[in-house]
């Protein structure tokens, strides 16, 4: 298998304990949601497809939460790739993965037309929806999936 692309400082890529061919990284920066998404997509190359992380099940959520908890001196919340696309489409992963799993914090998602992006809280592993705009730069979690090329 090829080596994952550079992460952009931070953790470097760490292999998923749950999903074969998936690697995670936390770049050493904070960004708005859409800039974070673009940074993760920039990890795409001939062998790997990059995006903000999508979480498919409780096992993967626990694996990611454990990774985030292991990082010292990091903030409480990290952007993941879930985004609200309006009433007709609902919550979707930025990479197009089907949304079959969620782990909302009690009381979430908020019914707020502006809170369309999602963060994972590293202490609980639960998710909250939050603002995507200029004033909300947060750390984020990228994934790359090995395509086998």
C-alpha atoms as a PDB file:
ATOM      1  CA  UNK A   1       0.000   0.000   0.000  1.00  0.00           C
ATOM      2  CA  UNK A   2       1.182   3.519  -0.783  1.00  0.00           C
ATOM      3  CA  UNK A   3       2.081   5.962   1.990  1.00  0.00           C
ATOM      4  CA  UNK A   4      -0.591   8.610   2.763  1.00  0.00           C
ATOM      5  CA  UNK A   5       0.174  12.187   1.663  1.00  0.00           C
ATOM      6  CA  UNK A   6       1.543  14.771   4.129  1.00  0.00           C
ATOM      7  CA  UNK A   7      -0.967  15.916   6.738  1.00  0.00           C
ATOM      8  CA  UNK A   8       0.110  19.540   7.155  1.00  0.00           C
ATOM      9  CA  UNK A   9       1.854  19.246  10.491  1.00  0.00           C
ATOM     10  CA  UNK A  10      -0.155  18.001  13.421  1.00  0.00           C
ATOM     11  CA  UNK A  11      -0.557  14.272  13.874  1.00  0.00           C
ATOM     12  CA  UNK A  12       0.500  12.940  10.503  1.00  0.00           C
ATOM     13  CA  UNK A  13      -1.827  10.259   9.151  1.00  0.00           C
ATOM     14  CA  UNK A  14      -2.943   7.545  11.570  1.00  0.00           C
ATOM     15  CA  UNK A  15      -4.522   4.311  10.296  1.00  0.00           C
ATOM     16  CA  UNK A  16      -8.102   3.665  11.338  1.00  0.00           C
ATOM     17  CA  UNK A  17      -8.526   0.777  13.770  1.00  0.00           C
ATOM     18  CA  UNK A  18     -11.995   0.138  12.337  1.00  0.00           C
ATOM     19  CA  UNK A  19     -12.127   0.870   8.612  1.00  0.00           C
ATOM     20  CA  UNK A  20      -9.649  -0.778   6.259  1.00  0.00           C
ATOM     21  CA  UNK A  21      -7.845   1.627   3.911  1.00  0.00           C
ATOM     22  CA  UNK A  22      -8.857   4.734   5.925  1.00  0.00           C
ATOM     23  CA  UNK A  23      -6.381   7.090   7.606  1.00  0.00           C
ATOM     24  CA  UNK A  24      -7.030  10.161   9.786  1.00  0.00           C
ATOM     25  CA  UNK A  25      -5.066  13.312  10.496  1.00  0.00           C
ATOM     26  CA  UNK A  26      -5.504  16.521  12.455  1.00  0.00           C
ATOM     27  CA  UNK A  27      -3.627  19.282  10.604  1.00  0.00           C
ATOM     28  CA  UNK A  28      -1.813  21.813  12.760  1.00  0.00           C
ATOM     29  CA  UNK A  29      -4.243  24.663  12.011  1.00  0.00           C
ATOM     30  CA  UNK A  30      -7.725  25.969  12.656  1.00  0.00           C
ATOM     31  CA  UNK A  31     -10.054  26.933   9.813  1.00  0.00           C
ATOM     32  CA  UNK A  32     -13.607  27.766   8.927  1.00  0.00           C
ATOM     33  CA  UNK A  33     -15.606  24.730   7.819  1.00  0.00           C
ATOM     34  CA  UNK A  34     -15.347  25.233   4.056  1.00  0.00           C
ATOM     35  CA  UNK A  35     -11.641  26.085   4.214  1.00  0.00           C
ATOM     36  CA  UNK A  36     -11.096  22.984   6.365  1.00  0.00           C
ATOM     37  CA  UNK A  37     -12.959  20.911   3.798  1.00  0.00           C
ATOM     38  CA  UNK A  38     -10.778  22.302   0.992  1.00  0.00           C
ATOM     39  CA  UNK A  39      -7.623  21.576   3.014  1.00  0.00           C
ATOM     40  CA  UNK A  40      -8.687  17.945   3.456  1.00  0.00           C
ATOM     41  CA  UNK A  41      -9.629  17.568  -0.216  1.00  0.00           C
ATOM     42  CA  UNK A  42      -6.145  18.855  -1.088  1.00  0.00           C
ATOM     43  CA  UNK A  43      -4.791  15.582   0.367  1.00  0.00           C
ATOM     44  CA  UNK A  44      -6.216  13.742  -2.667  1.00  0.00           C
ATOM     45  CA  UNK A  45      -3.621  12.191  -4.969  1.00  0.00           C
ATOM     46  CA  UNK A  46      -3.340   9.202  -7.314  1.00  0.00           C
ATOM     47  CA  UNK A  47      -3.670   6.730  -4.420  1.00  0.00           C
ATOM     48  CA  UNK A  48      -5.799   8.508  -1.814  1.00  0.00           C
ATOM     49  CA  UNK A  49      -9.098  10.405  -1.746  1.00  0.00           C
ATOM     50  CA  UNK A  50      -9.127  13.169   0.905  1.00  0.00           C
ATOM     51  CA  UNK A  51     -12.042  14.842   2.710  1.00  0.00           C
ATOM     52  CA  UNK A  52     -13.214  15.983   6.102  1.00  0.00           C
ATOM     53  CA  UNK A  53     -13.885  12.829   8.089  1.00  0.00           C
ATOM     54  CA  UNK A  54     -17.158  10.954   7.620  1.00  0.00           C
ATOM     55  CA  UNK A  55     -18.239   8.649  10.437  1.00  0.00           C
ATOM     56  CA  UNK A  56     -20.133   5.519   9.427  1.00  0.00           C
ATOM     57  CA  UNK A  57     -20.832   3.769  12.734  1.00  0.00           C
ATOM     58  CA  UNK A  58     -20.392   3.804  16.520  1.00  0.00           C
ATOM     59  CA  UNK A  59     -17.117   1.866  16.320  1.00  0.00           C
ATOM     60  CA  UNK A  60     -15.572   4.441  14.005  1.00  0.00           C
ATOM     61  CA  UNK A  61     -16.913   7.279  16.189  1.00  0.00           C
ATOM     62  CA  UNK A  62     -15.261   5.679  19.243  1.00  0.00           C
ATOM     63  CA  UNK A  63     -11.977   5.203  17.327  1.00  0.00           C
ATOM     64  CA  UNK A  64     -11.926   8.858  16.260  1.00  0.00           C
ATOM     65  CA  UNK A  65     -12.888  10.058  19.742  1.00  0.00           C
ATOM     66  CA  UNK A  66     -10.017   8.046  21.255  1.00  0.00           C
ATOM     67  CA  UNK A  67      -7.612   9.574  18.715  1.00  0.00           C
ATOM     68  CA  UNK A  68      -8.747  13.114  19.565  1.00  0.00           C
ATOM     69  CA  UNK A  69      -8.555  12.455  23.312  1.00  0.00           C
ATOM     70  CA  UNK A  70      -4.972  11.233  22.891  1.00  0.00           C
ATOM     71  CA  UNK A  71      -3.900  14.617  21.529  1.00  0.00           C
ATOM     72  CA  UNK A  72      -2.579  16.921  24.226  1.00  0.00           C
ATOM     73  CA  UNK A  73      -3.254  20.650  24.304  1.00  0.00           C
ATOM     74  CA  UNK A  74      -6.034  20.531  21.716  1.00  0.00           C
ATOM     75  CA  UNK A  75      -9.409  22.282  21.775  1.00  0.00           C
ATOM     76  CA  UNK A  76     -12.639  20.583  22.757  1.00  0.00           C
ATOM     77  CA  UNK A  77     -14.326  20.558  19.336  1.00  0.00           C
ATOM     78  CA  UNK A  78     -13.240  19.477  15.856  1.00  0.00           C
ATOM     79  CA  UNK A  79     -15.062  19.952  12.559  1.00  0.00           C
ATOM     80  CA  UNK A  80     -16.200  16.720  10.911  1.00  0.00           C
ATOM     81  CA  UNK A  81     -17.580  16.478   7.378  1.00  0.00           C
ATOM     82  CA  UNK A  82     -21.300  16.620   8.155  1.00  0.00           C
ATOM     83  CA  UNK A  83     -23.145  19.649   6.766  1.00  0.00           C
ATOM     84  CA  UNK A  84     -26.820  20.655   6.532  1.00  0.00           C
ATOM     85  CA  UNK A  85     -27.954  21.020   2.913  1.00  0.00           C
ATOM     86  CA  UNK A  86     -31.496  22.324   3.524  1.00  0.00           C
ATOM     87  CA  UNK A  87     -34.840  20.712   4.276  1.00  0.00           C
ATOM     88  CA  UNK A  88     -35.004  18.655   1.081  1.00  0.00           C
ATOM     89  CA  UNK A  89     -31.548  17.105   1.367  1.00  0.00           C
ATOM     90  CA  UNK A  90     -30.945  17.249   5.128  1.00  0.00           C
ATOM     91  CA  UNK A  91     -27.580  16.378   6.712  1.00  0.00           C
ATOM     92  CA  UNK A  92     -24.966  15.114   4.246  1.00  0.00           C
ATOM     93  CA  UNK A  93     -21.295  14.149   4.376  1.00  0.00           C
ATOM     94  CA  UNK A  94     -19.105  16.451   2.281  1.00  0.00           C
ATOM     95  CA  UNK A  95     -17.502  13.441   0.560  1.00  0.00           C
ATOM     96  CA  UNK A  96     -20.862  12.031  -0.546  1.00  0.00           C
ATOM     97  CA  UNK A  97     -20.900   9.075   1.872  1.00  0.00           C
ATOM     98  CA  UNK A  98     -24.388   7.950   2.798  1.00  0.00           C
ATOM     99  CA  UNK A  99     -25.462   9.149   6.262  1.00  0.00           C
ATOM    100  CA  UNK A 100     -26.504   5.998   8.123  1.00  0.00           C
ATOM    101  CA  UNK A 101     -25.227   6.961  11.574  1.00  0.00           C
ATOM    102  CA  UNK A 102     -25.309   9.964  13.878  1.00  0.00           C
ATOM    103  CA  UNK A 103     -24.246  10.653  17.457  1.00  0.00           C
ATOM    104  CA  UNK A 104     -25.882  13.963  18.341  1.00  0.00           C
ATOM    105  CA  UNK A 105     -25.315  15.481  21.755  1.00  0.00           C
ATOM    106  CA  UNK A 106     -28.630  15.622  23.692  1.00  0.00           C
ATOM    107  CA  UNK A 107     -30.708  18.561  22.422  1.00  0.00           C
ATOM    108  CA  UNK A 108     -28.995  18.612  19.024  1.00  0.00           C
ATOM    109  CA  UNK A 109     -29.157  19.296  16.188  1.00  0.00           C
ATOM    110  CA  UNK A 110     -30.320  22.809  16.978  1.00  0.00           C
ATOM    111  CA  UNK A 111     -33.076  24.105  14.729  1.00  0.00           C
ATOM    112  CA  UNK A 112     -30.987  27.086  13.623  1.00  0.00           C
ATOM    113  CA  UNK A 113     -30.800  28.021   9.940  1.00  0.00           C
ATOM    114  CA  UNK A 114     -27.226  29.247  10.391  1.00  0.00           C
ATOM    115  CA  UNK A 115     -25.781  26.314  12.401  1.00  0.00           C
ATOM    116  CA  UNK A 116     -25.183  24.091   9.374  1.00  0.00           C
ATOM    117  CA  UNK A 117     -21.802  22.566  10.222  1.00  0.00           C
ATOM    118  CA  UNK A 118     -20.973  19.848  12.739  1.00  0.00           C
ATOM    119  CA  UNK A 119     -18.255  19.370  15.324  1.00  0.00           C
ATOM    120  CA  UNK A 120     -17.343  16.332  17.376  1.00  0.00           C
ATOM    121  CA  UNK A 121     -16.783  16.995  21.090  1.00  0.00           C
ATOM    122  CA  UNK A 122     -13.663  15.053  22.034  1.00  0.00           C
ATOM    123  CA  UNK A 123     -14.651  14.466  25.692  1.00  0.00           C
ATOM    124  CA  UNK A 124     -17.980  12.787  24.863  1.00  0.00           C
ATOM    125  CA  UNK A 125     -17.701  11.744  21.221  1.00  0.00           C
ATOM    126  CA  UNK A 126     -21.041  13.430  20.572  1.00  0.00           C
ATOM    127  CA  UNK A 127     -21.828  15.892  17.811  1.00  0.00           C
ATOM    128  CA  UNK A 128     -23.224  19.419  17.819  1.00  0.00           C
ATOM    129  CA  UNK A 129     -24.191  21.673  14.954  1.00  0.00           C
ATOM    130  CA  UNK A 130     -22.485  25.042  14.847  1.00  0.00           C
ATOM    131  CA  UNK A 131     -21.777  27.998  12.595  1.00  0.00           C
ATOM    132  CA  UNK A 132     -19.619  27.663   9.492  1.00  0.00           C
ATOM    133  CA  UNK A 133     -18.720  31.340   9.100  1.00  0.00           C
ATOM    134  CA  UNK A 134     -15.614  33.501   9.380  1.00  0.00           C
ATOM    135  CA  UNK A 135     -15.801  33.865  13.153  1.00  0.00           C
ATOM    136  CA  UNK A 136     -15.789  30.135  13.801  1.00  0.00           C
ATOM    137  CA  UNK A 137     -12.317  28.786  12.971  1.00  0.00           C
ATOM    138  CA  UNK A 138     -11.802  25.409  14.635  1.00  0.00           C
ATOM    139  CA  UNK A 139      -9.457  22.442  14.372  1.00  0.00           C
ATOM    140  CA  UNK A 140     -10.660  19.713  12.042  1.00  0.00           C
ATOM    141  CA  UNK A 141     -10.179  16.068  11.211  1.00  0.00           C
ATOM    142  CA  UNK A 142      -9.248  14.900   7.710  1.00  0.00           C
ATOM    143  CA  UNK A 143      -9.450  11.405   6.307  1.00  0.00           C
ATOM    144  CA  UNK A 144      -7.895   9.831   3.287  1.00  0.00           C
ATOM    145  CA  UNK A 145      -9.112   6.568   1.833  1.00  0.00           C
ATOM    146  CA  UNK A 146      -6.692   4.395  -0.097  1.00  0.00           C
ATOM    147  CA  UNK A 147      -8.101   3.754  -3.563  1.00  0.00           C
ATOM    148  CA  UNK A 148      -5.751   0.902  -4.446  1.00  0.00           C
ATOM    149  CA  UNK A 149      -4.163   2.553  -7.472  1.00  0.00           C
END
